[in-house]
């Protein structure tokens, strides 16, 4: 059921409400109706509240993909990839898979002057991520699509590499 508070530590959709939250989208009644429930704004984020009451945002709901029935949050996989010194930038998207429904594909920008293979990237992830979260495919790029402020444009990444 949507619209109820989850137990601490359980992942869910983030809704917010308060005097500092917008009340409606300007001249967009349909978008307002889709994005609000009883004054609560659906942020589009997925997250959880820890035992101390802190909110942890994991990723955007629209970026999440489901592999073999398990939710995968690309931001978690990207964090692991970015800890590899041979990788300068990385983005992860879900792509269709006959067996698992969707699997992860990493789009990787190697560090300058570094040779890097798909196998190296996948091997680096082993032991750092659950098996279902490890990208099944790796492609290499010179740069990832980003806004002027540096935010990754997942929509463009999916359009370019989403197979």
Protein backbone atom coordinates (compact mmCIF):
# COMPACT_ATOMS: atom_id res chain seq x y z
CA UNK A 1 0.00 0.00 0.00
CA UNK A 2 1.29 3.46 -0.83
CA UNK A 3 1.15 6.41 1.49
CA UNK A 4 2.19 4.92 4.80
CA UNK A 5 5.33 5.20 6.88
CA UNK A 6 7.73 2.28 6.59
CA UNK A 7 9.77 0.69 9.36
CA UNK A 8 13.24 2.14 9.98
CA UNK A 9 15.78 0.87 7.47
CA UNK A 10 13.20 -0.19 4.87
CA UNK A 11 13.57 1.34 1.40
CA UNK A 12 10.63 3.28 0.04
CA UNK A 13 9.46 6.28 -1.95
CA UNK A 14 10.25 9.63 -0.38
CA UNK A 15 7.33 11.98 0.19
CA UNK A 16 7.67 15.39 1.84
CA UNK A 17 5.24 17.86 3.37
CA UNK A 18 5.72 21.21 5.06
CA UNK A 19 5.50 24.98 4.71
CA UNK A 20 8.67 25.05 2.57
CA UNK A 21 7.33 22.52 0.00
CA UNK A 22 5.54 23.69 -3.13
CA UNK A 23 1.76 23.31 -3.13
CA UNK A 24 1.29 22.91 -6.87
CA UNK A 25 2.96 23.09 -10.25
CA UNK A 26 2.26 26.43 -11.93
CA UNK A 27 -0.50 25.98 -14.50
CA UNK A 28 -0.03 22.19 -14.57
CA UNK A 29 -3.03 20.71 -12.74
CA UNK A 30 -2.44 17.19 -14.14
CA UNK A 31 1.18 17.14 -12.95
CA UNK A 32 0.04 18.47 -9.57
CA UNK A 33 -2.58 15.74 -9.23
CA UNK A 34 -0.02 13.05 -10.13
CA UNK A 35 2.65 14.38 -7.77
CA UNK A 36 0.66 15.05 -4.60
CA UNK A 37 -1.34 12.95 -2.16
CA UNK A 38 -3.14 14.82 0.62
CA UNK A 39 -0.55 17.60 0.52
CA UNK A 40 2.44 15.23 0.38
CA UNK A 41 4.83 15.80 -2.57
CA UNK A 42 6.15 12.62 -4.20
CA UNK A 43 9.80 13.59 -4.74
CA UNK A 44 10.68 10.76 -7.13
CA UNK A 45 13.48 9.70 -4.79
CA UNK A 46 13.96 6.34 -3.11
CA UNK A 47 15.43 6.23 0.36
CA UNK A 48 15.19 5.02 3.93
CA UNK A 49 15.31 6.41 7.45
CA UNK A 50 17.95 4.90 9.74
CA UNK A 51 17.51 4.03 13.42
CA UNK A 52 18.57 7.55 14.45
CA UNK A 53 15.99 9.20 12.17
CA UNK A 54 18.33 10.32 9.39
CA UNK A 55 17.04 10.13 5.82
CA UNK A 56 19.30 8.48 3.25
CA UNK A 57 18.48 9.11 -0.40
CA UNK A 58 19.56 6.15 -2.52
CA UNK A 59 18.58 7.10 -6.05
CA UNK A 60 15.80 8.39 -8.27
CA UNK A 61 12.93 5.92 -8.65
CA UNK A 62 12.99 6.32 -12.43
CA UNK A 63 16.67 5.27 -12.51
CA UNK A 64 16.11 2.08 -10.49
CA UNK A 65 15.83 -1.17 -12.43
CA UNK A 66 14.68 -4.64 -11.41
CA UNK A 67 16.99 -7.59 -12.03
CA UNK A 68 15.63 -11.03 -11.23
CA UNK A 69 13.03 -9.51 -8.92
CA UNK A 70 15.58 -7.42 -6.99
CA UNK A 71 15.67 -3.62 -7.01
CA UNK A 72 19.00 -2.19 -8.16
CA UNK A 73 19.85 1.45 -7.49
CA UNK A 74 22.42 2.63 -10.07
CA UNK A 75 23.90 5.22 -7.69
CA UNK A 76 25.15 2.41 -5.43
CA UNK A 77 26.86 0.66 -8.35
CA UNK A 78 28.26 3.96 -9.64
CA UNK A 79 29.79 4.68 -6.22
CA UNK A 80 31.65 1.37 -6.34
CA UNK A 81 32.81 1.97 -9.91
CA UNK A 82 34.04 5.46 -9.04
CA UNK A 83 36.23 3.99 -6.28
CA UNK A 84 38.26 2.18 -8.97
CA UNK A 85 41.34 4.29 -9.75
CA UNK A 86 41.22 3.23 -13.41
CA UNK A 87 37.78 4.84 -13.86
CA UNK A 88 37.34 8.61 -14.34
CA UNK A 89 33.54 8.55 -14.67
CA UNK A 90 30.77 5.98 -14.71
CA UNK A 91 27.04 5.73 -15.23
CA UNK A 92 24.82 2.68 -14.84
CA UNK A 93 21.51 1.95 -16.54
CA UNK A 94 19.21 -1.05 -16.70
CA UNK A 95 18.95 -2.83 -20.04
CA UNK A 96 16.55 -5.57 -21.13
CA UNK A 97 17.58 -9.15 -20.47
CA UNK A 98 15.68 -12.26 -21.50
CA UNK A 99 16.50 -14.23 -18.34
CA UNK A 100 16.52 -11.54 -15.61
CA UNK A 101 14.14 -8.92 -17.04
CA UNK A 102 16.79 -6.24 -16.72
CA UNK A 103 20.50 -6.22 -15.96
CA UNK A 104 22.98 -3.45 -15.35
CA UNK A 105 25.13 -1.90 -18.02
CA UNK A 106 27.99 0.36 -16.96
CA UNK A 107 29.09 3.18 -19.25
CA UNK A 108 32.64 3.88 -18.19
CA UNK A 109 35.13 6.65 -18.96
CA UNK A 110 38.62 5.26 -18.29
CA UNK A 111 41.10 7.43 -16.42
CA UNK A 112 43.50 9.29 -18.75
CA UNK A 113 46.18 7.04 -20.22
CA UNK A 114 44.67 3.88 -18.72
CA UNK A 115 43.85 0.67 -20.60
CA UNK A 116 40.74 -0.95 -19.17
CA UNK A 117 38.69 -4.00 -20.17
CA UNK A 118 35.12 -5.06 -19.51
CA UNK A 119 36.41 -8.02 -17.48
CA UNK A 120 38.52 -5.76 -15.23
CA UNK A 121 35.51 -3.59 -14.43
CA UNK A 122 33.29 -6.57 -13.65
CA UNK A 123 36.03 -8.25 -11.58
CA UNK A 124 36.51 -5.03 -9.58
CA UNK A 125 32.83 -5.14 -8.57
CA UNK A 126 32.99 -8.72 -7.27
CA UNK A 127 32.96 -8.79 -3.49
CA UNK A 128 31.87 -5.14 -3.35
CA UNK A 129 28.33 -5.63 -4.66
CA UNK A 130 25.74 -8.38 -4.52
CA UNK A 131 25.99 -10.57 -7.63
CA UNK A 132 22.72 -9.27 -9.10
CA UNK A 133 24.01 -5.67 -8.83
CA UNK A 134 27.25 -6.28 -10.76
CA UNK A 135 26.94 -4.89 -14.30
CA UNK A 136 26.60 -7.65 -16.88
CA UNK A 137 27.82 -5.39 -19.66
CA UNK A 138 30.39 -2.60 -19.78
CA UNK A 139 30.82 -0.10 -22.60
CA UNK A 140 33.44 2.60 -22.81
CA UNK A 141 32.92 6.27 -23.66
CA UNK A 142 35.03 9.41 -23.91
CA UNK A 143 32.55 11.36 -21.74
CA UNK A 144 29.14 10.96 -20.13
CA UNK A 145 26.25 13.34 -20.83
CA UNK A 146 26.02 15.88 -18.01
CA UNK A 147 24.36 19.21 -17.31
CA UNK A 148 26.38 22.40 -16.87
CA UNK A 149 26.31 21.74 -13.12
CA UNK A 150 27.65 18.21 -13.53
CA UNK A 151 24.46 16.20 -13.00
CA UNK A 152 24.42 13.06 -15.13
CA UNK A 153 21.71 13.03 -17.78
CA UNK A 154 20.41 9.50 -17.35
CA UNK A 155 17.74 10.01 -19.99
CA UNK A 156 20.42 10.76 -22.59
CA UNK A 157 22.58 7.89 -21.34
CA UNK A 158 19.63 5.52 -21.79
CA UNK A 159 18.84 6.94 -25.22
CA UNK A 160 22.42 6.54 -26.38
CA UNK A 161 23.28 3.16 -24.82
CA UNK A 162 19.96 1.63 -23.76
CA UNK A 163 20.14 -0.95 -26.54
